[in-house]
Amino acid sequence: MEQIWPQNYDPFNNALLSTVLAALPIIVLLGSIAIFHIRIHLAAVFGLIVAIGVALFAFNMPVPAVAATTLYGGAYGLFPIGWIVLNLIFLYQLTVNKGLFTLIRMHLSTIAPDPRIQVILIAFAFGAFFEGAAGFGTPVAITAAILIQLGFRPLAACGLSLIANTAPVAFGALGTPIIALAAVTDIDVLKLSAMVGRQLPLFSFIVPFWVIWAMAGFRGMISVWPAALTAGLSFAVTQFLVSNYHGPWLVDIFASIVSIISIIVLLKFWQPKTIWQLPKDEDTIPLQADPESVSTKDMVRAWTPWVILTVFIFAWGVPTVKSTLNSVSAPEYKVAYLHNLVKRSPPIAPVPTLEKPAKTEEAVFKLNWISATGTGILLSAIIAGFAIGYSIKEMFKVYLQTLWRVRFSLITIAAMLALGYVTKYSGADATLGLALAKTGVLYPFFGTMLGWLGVALTGSDTASNVLFGSLQTITAKQTDVSPILMAAANSSGGVMGKMVDAQSIVVASTATNWYGHEGQILRYVFFHSIALAALVGLFVFLQAYVIPFSNMVVK
């Protein structure tokens, strides 16, 4: 029988040295991308090698467990995340090859001719719908690809999509991050939903203004303030109401639909006085036809694949559908040398008692290949392919081309998830979390930044909540702060880390056919990520200590 390995968060009995070594894989990864301009798949591999070295030689994790963790993380990177990216790019390529994306571009340019409003409508509102239905990078891939076709430069298309895909993330994939947070903290899911719903609406209101400011400057933002106000206010109000009076499951779906409808209604009565012009260069796609020359039949044909995709993603996200599909085929594989063989220690985990003994970390790979979101996307792509005139042979050829196109992206995602899993199971992530937790009265601010760090490391608000949710509640009790507030803050702060995690950046670069420029994308969004996370932290600090903000805390 394999021996259980307890994590040690200060292996050198020197908190500073242990923290520096725990941070080393992240420093290598981000430094390779942003400073040395190394291709991201190579940077991810370098970071993974360093993480393995730290796990083995600094945290003394057993060799078989490190090997198993690496393979487990890499497999999870390929399925379900890589599976989503591959099939989404396949659908996108099918539409591009038939010239349908050009028709969509022309249609959108007639509905919202100003690029600033296009960003609000597509990257913020439309992206929030796909975040609520699927998550896992789906909204960034779709919205960045659409913005490219609307004439945006690749850097702007990627960066603006990443900035816009923030406030909806906590309620993404039908509330999965909040549901996971409730599971690890033993706090009622409705209370957590309500608390997050009293933090993020402020930023849902701000983000449309923020993303236009990043795109067109302050004056450019002011001249379209009615559109930003309409999108942000309608989304924020709906987000608050649904999260507080229904739960986390349909927050993004309802809020995005209300926001989209509100923007379209506004545009019937108001348009900006001057149309802001996108900068033109060799990377932008020129509009080759007059929108008025396109027939209604062609326009319906152009939108058909995306309507089919929306139906499938929504259906695949419904819990009853997912459970039904899982019952057909969803084998689970317990990872040898890892499953239930790693144990988190206090204060990351609660002090074990007779009623609640110490839990070991599960490591189960679920091959739910039918219920996976990527499978729903693949089926929608095949049906859409037939609908727009492809044969089976032609679709198979496009699929092989797509697989070749995203090969480096799949390597990157697998290496990144392997790095994240090695960091998690070795306990290095908890070492970093404990360093932020030792901040006394400032803990509400830095605890929120811990959520940001968790998502920046793992690429997932759900993973960050699982990683640090228990730590947040334990530390909150020690510092006389509401555990509900800090558990929610982990998720709310985490959403701002979504724009800088390597997984999201790779998805954006792949969707826009701009792979290899991830360092530029990271530099474009990094300030926005830090600044917005700091504002969330400040707001949580006010909720912890200052009336009337403290009256917002769920009891």
Protein backbone atom coordinates (compact mmCIF):
# COMPACT_ATOMS: atom_id res chain seq x y z
CA MET A 1 0.00 0.00 0.00
CA GLU A 2 1.31 3.43 -0.96
CA GLN A 3 2.12 5.81 1.88
CA ILE A 4 0.18 9.08 2.20
CA TRP A 5 2.40 12.12 1.70
CA PRO A 6 1.52 15.23 3.78
CA GLN A 7 2.29 18.60 2.19
CA ASN A 8 4.81 20.87 3.88
CA TYR A 9 4.35 24.55 3.13
CA ASP A 10 7.66 25.69 4.62
CA PRO A 11 10.15 22.94 3.77
CA PHE A 12 13.19 25.11 4.59
CA ASN A 13 11.79 26.50 7.86
CA ASN A 14 12.28 29.87 6.24
CA ALA A 15 9.05 31.41 4.93
CA LEU A 16 10.80 33.82 2.56
CA LEU A 17 13.00 31.17 0.93
CA SER A 18 10.13 28.71 0.63
CA THR A 19 7.92 31.37 -0.95
CA VAL A 20 10.59 32.41 -3.47
CA LEU A 21 11.12 28.79 -4.56
CA ALA A 22 7.35 28.24 -4.79
CA ALA A 23 7.10 31.28 -7.08
CA LEU A 24 10.03 30.23 -9.28
CA PRO A 25 7.97 28.31 -11.93
CA ILE A 26 5.67 31.33 -12.40
CA ILE A 27 8.62 33.70 -12.61
CA VAL A 28 10.25 31.50 -15.27
CA LEU A 29 7.01 31.16 -17.23
CA LEU A 30 6.02 34.82 -17.27
CA GLY A 31 9.58 36.07 -17.65
CA SER A 32 10.15 33.79 -20.64
CA ILE A 33 7.03 35.11 -22.34
CA ALA A 34 7.06 38.80 -21.47
CA ILE A 35 10.78 39.59 -21.16
CA PHE A 36 12.68 37.10 -23.30
CA HIS A 37 9.93 36.69 -25.94
CA ILE A 38 10.25 32.90 -25.98
CA ARG A 39 7.47 31.07 -27.82
CA ILE A 40 4.78 30.27 -25.32
CA HIS A 41 4.77 26.50 -25.81
CA LEU A 42 8.49 26.45 -25.02
CA ALA A 43 8.01 28.84 -22.08
CA ALA A 44 5.28 26.56 -20.71
CA VAL A 45 7.58 23.54 -20.99
CA PHE A 46 10.42 25.45 -19.25
CA GLY A 47 8.03 26.49 -16.47
CA LEU A 48 6.85 22.89 -16.10
CA ILE A 49 10.43 21.60 -15.83
CA VAL A 50 11.15 24.15 -13.09
CA ALA A 51 7.90 23.25 -11.28
CA ILE A 52 8.87 19.56 -11.35
CA GLY A 53 12.32 20.42 -9.97
CA VAL A 54 10.80 22.54 -7.18
CA ALA A 55 8.32 19.78 -6.29
CA LEU A 56 11.04 17.13 -6.16
CA PHE A 57 13.96 18.93 -4.57
CA ALA A 58 12.39 21.76 -2.56
CA PHE A 59 9.06 20.29 -1.39
CA ASN A 60 10.28 16.66 -1.35
CA MET A 61 7.27 15.28 -3.19
CA PRO A 62 7.74 11.58 -4.08
CA VAL A 63 8.97 10.94 -7.63
CA PRO A 64 6.03 8.67 -8.65
CA ALA A 65 3.56 11.28 -7.39
CA VAL A 66 5.28 14.06 -9.37
CA ALA A 67 5.24 11.95 -12.54
CA ALA A 68 1.58 11.04 -12.04
CA THR A 69 0.64 14.67 -11.35
CA THR A 70 2.39 15.85 -14.52
CA LEU A 71 0.56 13.30 -16.67
CA TYR A 72 -2.75 14.03 -14.91
CA GLY A 73 -2.47 17.78 -15.48
CA GLY A 74 -1.39 17.35 -19.10
CA ALA A 75 -4.29 15.00 -19.79
CA TYR A 76 -6.75 17.47 -18.27
CA GLY A 77 -5.25 20.20 -20.44
CA LEU A 78 -5.99 18.17 -23.56
CA PHE A 79 -9.39 17.01 -22.35
CA PRO A 80 -11.65 18.85 -21.79
CA ILE A 81 -9.89 22.20 -22.43
CA GLY A 82 -7.90 21.39 -25.56
CA TRP A 83 -10.90 19.47 -26.89
CA ILE A 84 -12.98 22.65 -26.66
CA VAL A 85 -10.36 24.81 -28.40
CA LEU A 86 -9.80 22.30 -31.22
CA ASN A 87 -13.48 21.93 -32.08
CA LEU A 88 -14.29 25.61 -31.71
CA ILE A 89 -11.51 26.55 -34.14
CA PHE A 90 -12.80 23.79 -36.47
CA LEU A 91 -16.26 25.41 -36.55
CA TYR A 92 -14.70 28.82 -37.05
CA GLN A 93 -12.57 27.53 -39.94
CA LEU A 94 -15.60 25.96 -41.62
CA THR A 95 -17.34 29.34 -41.68
CA VAL A 96 -14.25 31.24 -42.81
CA ASN A 97 -13.59 28.87 -45.72
CA LYS A 98 -17.13 29.48 -47.02
CA GLY A 99 -16.81 33.25 -46.68
CA LEU A 100 -19.58 33.39 -44.09
CA PHE A 101 -17.61 35.33 -41.52
CA THR A 102 -17.41 38.21 -43.98
CA LEU A 103 -21.21 38.25 -44.16
CA ILE A 104 -21.48 38.27 -40.37
CA ARG A 105 -19.01 41.12 -40.29
CA MET A 106 -21.12 43.13 -42.72
CA HIS A 107 -24.30 42.42 -40.76
CA LEU A 108 -22.74 43.52 -37.48
CA SER A 109 -21.34 46.62 -39.13
CA THR A 110 -24.89 47.66 -40.06
CA ILE A 111 -26.30 46.98 -36.56
CA ALA A 112 -23.40 48.69 -34.78
CA PRO A 113 -21.18 50.55 -37.26
CA ASP A 114 -18.96 52.03 -34.54
CA PRO A 115 -16.14 49.63 -33.50
CA ARG A 116 -16.42 50.79 -29.89
CA ILE A 117 -20.01 49.62 -29.69
CA GLN A 118 -19.07 46.41 -31.49
CA VAL A 119 -16.64 45.65 -28.65
CA ILE A 120 -19.33 46.26 -26.03
CA LEU A 121 -21.91 44.17 -27.89
CA ILE A 122 -19.62 41.28 -28.88
CA ALA A 123 -16.73 41.05 -26.42
CA PHE A 124 -18.72 42.03 -23.32
CA ALA A 125 -22.39 41.06 -23.79
CA PHE A 126 -22.17 38.28 -26.38
CA GLY A 127 -19.04 36.87 -24.71
CA ALA A 128 -20.82 36.77 -21.34
CA PHE A 129 -23.48 34.49 -22.82
CA PHE A 130 -20.87 31.94 -23.90
CA GLU A 131 -19.11 32.30 -20.54
CA GLY A 132 -22.35 31.50 -18.76
CA ALA A 133 -23.12 28.55 -21.01
CA ALA A 134 -19.68 26.96 -21.41
CA GLY A 135 -16.70 28.83 -19.94
CA PHE A 136 -13.24 27.27 -20.41
CA GLY A 137 -12.04 29.90 -22.88
CA THR A 138 -15.02 29.54 -25.23
CA PRO A 139 -16.09 33.23 -25.08
CA VAL A 140 -12.60 34.58 -25.73
CA ALA A 141 -12.10 32.33 -28.74
CA ILE A 142 -15.43 33.27 -30.32
CA THR A 143 -15.37 37.01 -29.63
CA ALA A 144 -11.72 37.48 -30.62
CA ALA A 145 -12.37 35.68 -33.91
CA ILE A 146 -15.40 37.89 -34.63
CA LEU A 147 -13.49 41.09 -33.82
CA ILE A 148 -10.72 40.06 -36.22
CA GLN A 149 -13.30 39.74 -38.97
CA LEU A 150 -14.67 43.16 -38.08
CA GLY A 151 -11.29 44.66 -38.92
CA PHE A 152 -9.61 44.77 -35.51
CA ARG A 153 -5.89 44.22 -35.26
CA PRO A 154 -5.03 40.83 -33.74
CA LEU A 155 -3.54 42.41 -30.60
CA ALA A 156 -6.65 44.54 -29.99
CA ALA A 157 -9.01 41.65 -30.76
CA CYS A 158 -7.25 39.40 -28.25
CA GLY A 159 -6.64 42.01 -25.58
CA LEU A 160 -10.10 43.57 -25.63
CA SER A 161 -11.80 40.16 -25.57
CA LEU A 162 -9.71 39.19 -22.54
CA ILE A 163 -10.49 42.41 -20.67
CA ALA A 164 -14.21 42.12 -21.42
CA ASN A 165 -14.34 38.48 -20.26
CA THR A 166 -13.93 39.23 -16.56
CA ALA A 167 -17.06 40.12 -14.60
CA PRO A 168 -19.10 37.13 -15.91
CA VAL A 169 -16.42 34.53 -15.04
CA ALA A 170 -17.49 33.85 -11.43
CA PHE A 171 -20.88 32.61 -12.67
CA GLY A 172 -19.47 30.88 -15.76
CA ALA A 173 -20.46 27.43 -17.01
CA LEU A 174 -23.84 27.64 -15.26
CA GLY A 175 -22.38 28.72 -11.93
CA THR A 176 -19.66 26.06 -11.68
CA PRO A 177 -17.09 28.25 -9.79
CA ILE A 178 -19.62 29.13 -7.06
CA ILE A 179 -20.85 25.54 -6.78
CA ALA A 180 -17.26 24.32 -6.39
CA LEU A 181 -16.55 27.04 -3.81
CA ALA A 182 -19.56 25.95 -1.76
CA ALA A 183 -18.32 22.35 -1.82
CA VAL A 184 -14.86 23.14 -0.40
CA THR A 185 -15.99 25.73 2.18
CA ASP A 186 -19.23 24.12 3.43
CA ILE A 187 -20.94 27.49 3.00
CA ASP A 188 -24.42 27.51 1.50
CA VAL A 189 -24.24 27.99 -2.26
CA LEU A 190 -27.04 30.59 -2.21
CA LYS A 191 -25.18 32.70 0.36
CA LEU A 192 -22.01 32.60 -1.73
CA SER A 193 -23.97 33.44 -4.86
CA ALA A 194 -25.57 36.41 -3.12
CA MET A 195 -22.23 37.66 -1.75
CA VAL A 196 -20.47 37.48 -5.12
CA GLY A 197 -23.59 39.16 -6.51
CA ARG A 198 -22.92 42.07 -4.16
CA GLN A 199 -19.34 42.48 -5.35
CA LEU A 200 -19.17 41.90 -9.09
CA PRO A 201 -22.12 44.03 -10.32
CA LEU A 202 -20.09 47.17 -9.62
CA PHE A 203 -17.39 45.87 -11.95
CA SER A 204 -19.89 44.60 -14.50
CA PHE A 205 -21.00 48.22 -14.65
CA ILE A 206 -17.40 49.49 -14.98
CA VAL A 207 -16.00 46.99 -17.51
CA PRO A 208 -17.79 48.35 -20.65
CA PHE A 209 -16.38 51.81 -19.89
CA TRP A 210 -12.97 50.33 -19.05
CA VAL A 211 -12.62 48.25 -22.22
CA ILE A 212 -13.54 51.21 -24.45
CA TRP A 213 -11.09 53.43 -22.57
CA ALA A 214 -8.38 50.81 -23.21
CA MET A 215 -9.36 50.78 -26.88
CA ALA A 216 -10.06 54.42 -27.78
CA GLY A 217 -8.88 56.56 -24.86
CA PHE A 218 -10.92 58.66 -22.47
CA ARG A 219 -12.45 60.94 -25.12
CA GLY A 220 -13.34 57.97 -27.28
CA MET A 221 -15.06 56.37 -24.32
CA ILE A 222 -17.01 59.49 -23.33
CA SER A 223 -18.55 59.87 -26.79
CA VAL A 224 -20.20 56.42 -26.54
CA TRP A 225 -21.11 56.59 -22.85
CA PRO A 226 -24.81 55.83 -23.47
CA ALA A 227 -23.89 52.43 -24.95
CA ALA A 228 -21.44 51.63 -22.15
CA LEU A 229 -23.95 52.74 -19.53
CA THR A 230 -26.77 50.71 -21.07
CA ALA A 231 -24.68 47.55 -21.39
CA GLY A 232 -23.09 47.80 -17.96
CA LEU A 233 -26.15 48.87 -16.00
CA SER A 234 -28.51 46.31 -17.54
CA PHE A 235 -25.97 43.53 -16.99
CA ALA A 236 -25.12 44.60 -13.43
CA VAL A 237 -28.73 44.92 -12.27
CA THR A 238 -29.68 41.55 -13.74
CA GLN A 239 -26.54 39.95 -12.30
CA PHE A 240 -27.41 41.25 -8.83
CA LEU A 241 -31.06 40.19 -8.97
CA VAL A 242 -30.49 36.67 -10.30
CA SER A 243 -27.51 35.92 -8.05
CA ASN A 244 -29.30 37.15 -4.92
CA TYR A 245 -32.82 35.86 -5.53
CA HIS A 246 -32.33 32.75 -7.66
CA GLY A 247 -28.79 31.39 -7.40
CA PRO A 248 -25.59 31.10 -9.43
CA TRP A 249 -26.81 28.87 -12.25
CA LEU A 250 -28.36 31.26 -14.79
CA VAL A 251 -26.78 34.58 -13.80
CA ASP A 252 -24.67 35.09 -16.92
CA ILE A 253 -27.30 33.72 -19.29
CA PHE A 254 -30.00 36.15 -18.14
CA ALA A 255 -27.65 39.10 -17.66
CA SER A 256 -26.08 38.75 -21.12
CA ILE A 257 -29.44 38.41 -22.88
CA VAL A 258 -30.80 41.49 -21.09
CA SER A 259 -27.62 43.42 -21.95
CA ILE A 260 -27.70 42.43 -25.64
CA ILE A 261 -31.38 43.36 -26.00
CA SER A 262 -30.82 46.66 -24.18
CA ILE A 263 -27.95 47.63 -26.49
CA ILE A 264 -29.89 46.76 -29.65
CA VAL A 265 -32.92 48.75 -28.45
CA LEU A 266 -30.68 51.73 -27.62
CA LEU A 267 -29.14 51.65 -31.11
CA LYS A 268 -32.62 52.01 -32.62
CA PHE A 269 -32.87 55.47 -31.04
CA TRP A 270 -29.26 56.57 -30.61
CA GLN A 271 -25.99 56.42 -32.55
CA PRO A 272 -22.69 58.18 -31.78
CA LYS A 273 -22.22 61.50 -33.58
CA THR A 274 -19.01 60.34 -35.23
CA ILE A 275 -17.90 56.82 -36.13
CA TRP A 276 -14.55 55.95 -34.58
CA GLN A 277 -12.23 54.51 -37.21
CA LEU A 278 -10.09 51.45 -36.59
CA PRO A 279 -6.39 51.81 -37.43
CA LYS A 280 -5.60 50.02 -40.68
CA ASP A 281 -2.52 47.94 -41.42
CA GLU A 282 -1.53 44.72 -43.14
CA ASP A 283 -3.07 42.60 -40.34
CA THR A 284 -6.60 43.93 -40.72
CA ILE A 285 -9.19 42.35 -43.01
CA PRO A 286 -10.75 44.75 -45.52
CA LEU A 287 -14.50 44.71 -46.08
CA GLN A 288 -14.97 43.48 -49.64
CA ALA A 289 -18.67 43.96 -50.28
CA ASP A 290 -21.51 46.35 -49.66
CA PRO A 291 -23.71 45.16 -46.75
CA GLU A 292 -26.84 46.20 -48.65
CA SER A 293 -25.96 43.81 -51.50
CA VAL A 294 -26.23 40.73 -49.26
CA SER A 295 -29.53 38.85 -49.39
CA THR A 296 -31.48 37.82 -46.31
CA LYS A 297 -30.99 34.18 -47.29
CA ASP A 298 -27.19 34.57 -47.30
CA MET A 299 -27.28 36.36 -43.97
CA VAL A 300 -29.35 33.60 -42.40
CA ARG A 301 -26.88 31.06 -43.80
CA ALA A 302 -23.98 33.00 -42.30
CA TRP A 303 -25.49 33.06 -38.82
CA THR A 304 -26.75 29.45 -38.90
CA PRO A 305 -23.51 27.82 -37.58
CA TRP A 306 -23.41 30.18 -34.61
CA VAL A 307 -27.07 29.70 -33.78
CA ILE A 308 -26.50 25.93 -33.87
CA LEU A 309 -23.43 26.34 -31.68
CA THR A 310 -25.38 28.42 -29.16
CA VAL A 311 -28.15 25.82 -28.93
CA PHE A 312 -25.68 22.97 -28.43
CA ILE A 313 -23.57 24.80 -25.85
CA PHE A 314 -26.63 25.79 -23.87
CA ALA A 315 -28.09 22.27 -24.05
CA TRP A 316 -24.78 20.65 -23.05
CA GLY A 317 -24.57 22.96 -20.04
CA VAL A 318 -27.99 22.09 -18.61
CA PRO A 319 -27.40 19.86 -15.55
CA THR A 320 -30.12 17.33 -16.45
CA VAL A 321 -28.74 16.94 -19.98
CA LYS A 322 -25.18 16.62 -18.69
CA SER A 323 -26.11 14.00 -16.10
CA THR A 324 -28.08 12.03 -18.71
CA LEU A 325 -25.14 12.05 -21.11
CA ASN A 326 -22.77 11.09 -18.30
CA SER A 327 -24.94 8.08 -17.50
CA VAL A 328 -24.34 6.82 -21.04
CA SER A 329 -20.55 6.97 -20.90
CA ALA A 330 -18.36 8.76 -18.38
CA PRO A 331 -15.59 6.42 -17.20
CA GLU A 332 -13.43 7.58 -14.32
CA TYR A 333 -9.79 6.67 -13.83
CA LYS A 334 -8.13 6.95 -10.45
CA VAL A 335 -4.62 8.24 -11.06
CA ALA A 336 -2.08 5.72 -9.79
CA TYR A 337 0.53 6.96 -7.26
CA LEU A 338 -1.54 10.12 -6.68
CA HIS A 339 -5.21 9.47 -5.92
CA ASN A 340 -5.82 9.85 -2.15
CA LEU A 341 -2.06 9.79 -1.51
CA VAL A 342 -1.50 13.53 -0.97
CA LYS A 343 -2.82 15.26 2.14
CA ARG A 344 -3.14 19.00 2.68
CA SER A 345 -2.04 20.23 6.08
CA PRO A 346 -3.24 23.03 8.38
CA PRO A 347 -3.77 25.93 7.95
CA ILE A 348 -4.65 25.23 4.30
CA ALA A 349 -6.90 22.43 5.49
CA PRO A 350 -8.92 22.56 8.72
CA VAL A 351 -7.36 20.97 11.78
CA PRO A 352 -8.54 17.34 11.69
CA THR A 353 -11.02 16.19 14.33
CA LEU A 354 -12.83 12.94 15.08
CA GLU A 355 -15.91 14.27 13.31
CA LYS A 356 -13.92 15.60 10.34
CA PRO A 357 -10.68 13.68 9.86
CA ALA A 358 -8.04 14.96 7.46
CA LYS A 359 -9.03 14.48 3.84
CA THR A 360 -6.67 13.27 1.16
CA GLU A 361 -6.61 14.84 -2.28
CA GLU A 362 -8.52 13.00 -4.96
CA ALA A 363 -7.02 12.53 -8.42
CA VAL A 364 -9.67 11.17 -10.76
CA PHE A 365 -9.57 11.71 -14.52
CA LYS A 366 -13.11 11.78 -15.90
CA LEU A 367 -13.35 10.88 -19.56
CA ASN A 368 -16.88 12.21 -20.00
CA TRP A 369 -16.41 12.33 -23.75
CA ILE A 370 -20.12 12.55 -24.58
CA SER A 371 -21.13 15.23 -22.07
CA ALA A 372 -17.95 17.31 -22.57
CA THR A 373 -18.57 20.80 -23.92
CA GLY A 374 -16.06 20.14 -26.70
CA THR A 375 -18.17 17.23 -27.95
CA GLY A 376 -21.23 19.45 -28.11
CA ILE A 377 -19.20 21.96 -30.10
CA LEU A 378 -17.97 19.22 -32.47
CA LEU A 379 -21.51 17.99 -33.11
CA SER A 380 -22.69 21.54 -33.73
CA ALA A 381 -19.79 22.04 -36.16
CA ILE A 382 -20.66 18.86 -38.09
CA ILE A 383 -24.34 19.79 -38.34
CA ALA A 384 -23.43 23.34 -39.31
CA GLY A 385 -20.98 22.00 -41.89
CA PHE A 386 -23.72 20.03 -43.62
CA ALA A 387 -26.06 23.05 -43.38
CA ILE A 388 -23.61 25.36 -45.20
CA GLY A 389 -22.69 22.88 -47.92
CA TYR A 390 -19.74 20.74 -46.80
CA SER A 391 -19.34 17.04 -47.56
CA ILE A 392 -17.96 14.60 -45.00
CA LYS A 393 -14.68 14.37 -46.91
CA GLU A 394 -14.31 18.16 -47.00
CA MET A 395 -15.03 18.49 -43.28
CA PHE A 396 -12.49 15.79 -42.46
CA LYS A 397 -9.86 17.66 -44.46
CA VAL A 398 -10.64 20.94 -42.64
CA TYR A 399 -10.48 19.10 -39.30
CA LEU A 400 -6.98 17.79 -40.04
CA GLN A 401 -5.90 21.29 -41.09
CA THR A 402 -7.33 22.66 -37.85
CA LEU A 403 -5.52 20.04 -35.77
CA TRP A 404 -2.23 21.03 -37.42
CA ARG A 405 -2.99 24.71 -36.86
CA VAL A 406 -3.60 24.34 -33.12
CA ARG A 407 -0.84 21.80 -32.41
CA PHE A 408 1.35 24.25 -30.49
CA SER A 409 -1.66 25.60 -28.63
CA LEU A 410 -2.52 22.09 -27.43
CA ILE A 411 1.07 21.55 -26.29
CA THR A 412 0.95 24.85 -24.41
CA ILE A 413 -2.36 24.12 -22.69
CA ALA A 414 -1.21 20.62 -21.69
CA ALA A 415 2.10 21.96 -20.29
CA MET A 416 0.34 24.82 -18.48
CA LEU A 417 -2.18 22.54 -16.79
CA ALA A 418 0.59 20.10 -15.89
CA LEU A 419 2.49 23.01 -14.29
CA GLY A 420 -0.61 24.07 -12.38
CA TYR A 421 -1.29 20.55 -11.12
CA VAL A 422 2.32 19.99 -10.02
CA THR A 423 2.18 23.30 -8.17
CA LYS A 424 -1.12 22.32 -6.54
CA TYR A 425 -0.28 18.77 -5.44
CA SER A 426 3.23 19.68 -4.26
CA GLY A 427 1.80 22.43 -2.03
CA ALA A 428 3.77 25.25 -3.67
CA ASP A 429 0.53 27.07 -4.46
CA ALA A 430 -0.46 27.00 -0.80
CA THR A 431 2.95 28.41 0.18
CA LEU A 432 2.24 31.42 -2.03
CA GLY A 433 -1.26 31.71 -0.60
CA LEU A 434 -0.02 31.66 2.98
CA ALA A 435 2.42 34.47 2.19
CA LEU A 436 -0.50 36.65 1.08
CA ALA A 437 -2.59 35.58 4.05
CA LYS A 438 -0.07 36.96 6.58
CA THR A 439 -1.16 40.54 6.03
CA GLY A 440 -3.19 41.24 9.17
CA VAL A 441 -5.82 43.97 8.87
CA LEU A 442 -5.09 44.24 5.14
CA TYR A 443 -6.09 40.62 4.61
CA PRO A 444 -9.41 41.44 2.84
CA PHE A 445 -7.41 43.23 0.15
CA PHE A 446 -4.65 40.65 -0.19
CA GLY A 447 -7.07 37.75 0.17
CA THR A 448 -8.83 39.08 -2.90
CA MET A 449 -5.48 39.27 -4.69
CA LEU A 450 -4.96 35.63 -3.70
CA GLY A 451 -8.00 34.77 -5.81
CA TRP A 452 -6.41 36.71 -8.67
CA LEU A 453 -3.19 34.71 -8.23
CA GLY A 454 -5.11 31.44 -8.21
CA VAL A 455 -6.77 32.12 -11.56
CA ALA A 456 -3.57 33.53 -13.06
CA LEU A 457 -1.85 30.25 -12.11
CA THR A 458 -4.58 27.75 -13.01
CA GLY A 459 -6.55 29.56 -15.71
CA SER A 460 -9.79 28.75 -13.92
CA ASP A 461 -11.92 30.51 -11.31
CA THR A 462 -13.26 27.10 -10.35
CA ALA A 463 -9.75 25.73 -9.77
CA SER A 464 -8.77 28.83 -7.79
CA ASN A 465 -11.84 28.42 -5.57
CA VAL A 466 -11.04 24.77 -4.94
CA LEU A 467 -7.41 25.69 -4.30
CA PHE A 468 -7.83 28.58 -1.89
CA GLY A 469 -11.46 28.49 -0.75
CA SER A 470 -10.74 26.62 2.47
CA LEU A 471 -7.69 28.79 3.22
CA GLN A 472 -9.80 31.93 2.77
CA THR A 473 -12.42 30.84 5.29
CA ILE A 474 -9.83 29.65 7.83
CA THR A 475 -7.81 32.87 7.62
CA ALA A 476 -10.97 34.99 7.71
CA LYS A 477 -11.94 33.46 11.06
CA GLN A 478 -8.43 34.09 12.40
CA THR A 479 -8.58 37.76 11.37
CA ASP A 480 -12.19 38.32 12.52
CA VAL A 481 -13.51 38.85 9.00
CA SER A 482 -16.61 37.22 7.53
CA PRO A 483 -15.74 33.81 5.98
CA ILE A 484 -18.59 34.27 3.49
CA LEU A 485 -17.11 37.61 2.41
CA MET A 486 -13.61 36.20 1.88
CA ALA A 487 -14.73 33.01 0.16
CA ALA A 488 -16.72 35.17 -2.27
CA ALA A 489 -13.77 37.56 -2.63
CA ASN A 490 -11.61 34.67 -3.80
CA SER A 491 -13.96 34.18 -6.74
CA SER A 492 -14.58 37.89 -7.39
CA GLY A 493 -10.88 38.74 -7.32
CA GLY A 494 -10.12 35.69 -9.39
CA VAL A 495 -12.10 36.86 -12.38
CA MET A 496 -9.55 39.61 -13.02
CA GLY A 497 -6.79 37.03 -13.26
CA LYS A 498 -8.57 35.39 -16.18
CA MET A 499 -7.10 37.85 -18.67
CA VAL A 500 -3.45 37.08 -17.79
CA ASP A 501 -3.49 33.31 -17.44
CA ALA A 502 -1.54 31.56 -20.18
CA GLN A 503 -4.45 29.29 -21.10
CA SER A 504 -6.75 32.21 -21.99
CA ILE A 505 -3.98 34.03 -23.85
CA VAL A 506 -3.23 30.92 -25.93
CA VAL A 507 -6.92 30.44 -26.73
CA ALA A 508 -7.14 34.06 -27.91
CA SER A 509 -3.98 33.89 -30.02
CA THR A 510 -5.06 30.60 -31.59
CA ALA A 511 -8.55 31.88 -32.42
CA THR A 512 -7.10 34.92 -34.18
CA ASN A 513 -4.36 32.97 -35.98
CA TRP A 514 -1.80 35.07 -34.10
CA TYR A 515 0.02 32.30 -32.28
CA GLY A 516 3.53 33.28 -31.23
CA HIS A 517 2.62 36.79 -30.06
CA GLU A 518 1.46 35.84 -26.56
CA GLY A 519 4.05 38.08 -24.91
CA GLN A 520 2.54 41.12 -26.60
CA ILE A 521 -0.95 40.09 -25.49
CA LEU A 522 0.25 39.59 -21.91
CA ARG A 523 1.85 43.04 -21.82
CA TYR A 524 -1.32 44.56 -23.32
CA VAL A 525 -3.62 43.21 -20.59
CA PHE A 526 -1.34 42.96 -17.55
CA PHE A 527 -1.92 46.48 -16.19
CA HIS A 528 -5.69 46.17 -16.66
CA SER A 529 -5.68 42.85 -14.80
CA ILE A 530 -3.71 44.17 -11.83
CA ALA A 531 -5.63 47.46 -11.65
CA LEU A 532 -9.07 45.85 -11.75
CA ALA A 533 -8.04 43.18 -9.22
CA ALA A 534 -6.76 45.92 -6.88
CA LEU A 535 -10.09 47.76 -7.20
CA VAL A 536 -11.96 44.56 -6.31
CA GLY A 537 -9.61 44.16 -3.33
CA LEU A 538 -10.29 47.71 -2.20
CA PHE A 539 -14.05 47.16 -2.48
CA VAL A 540 -13.82 43.96 -0.43
CA PHE A 541 -11.73 45.83 2.17
CA LEU A 542 -14.52 48.42 2.47
CA GLN A 543 -17.10 45.64 2.78
CA ALA A 544 -15.06 44.11 5.60
CA TYR A 545 -14.66 47.21 7.74
CA VAL A 546 -16.52 50.32 6.56
CA ILE A 547 -20.21 51.17 6.90
CA PRO A 548 -22.36 51.26 4.73
CA PHE A 549 -20.36 48.77 2.63
CA SER A 550 -20.18 46.30 5.52
CA ASN A 551 -23.98 46.18 5.56
CA MET A 552 -23.77 44.43 2.18
CA VAL A 553 -22.12 41.34 3.69
CA VAL A 554 -24.34 38.26 3.69
CA LYS A 555 -24.89 36.90 7.18
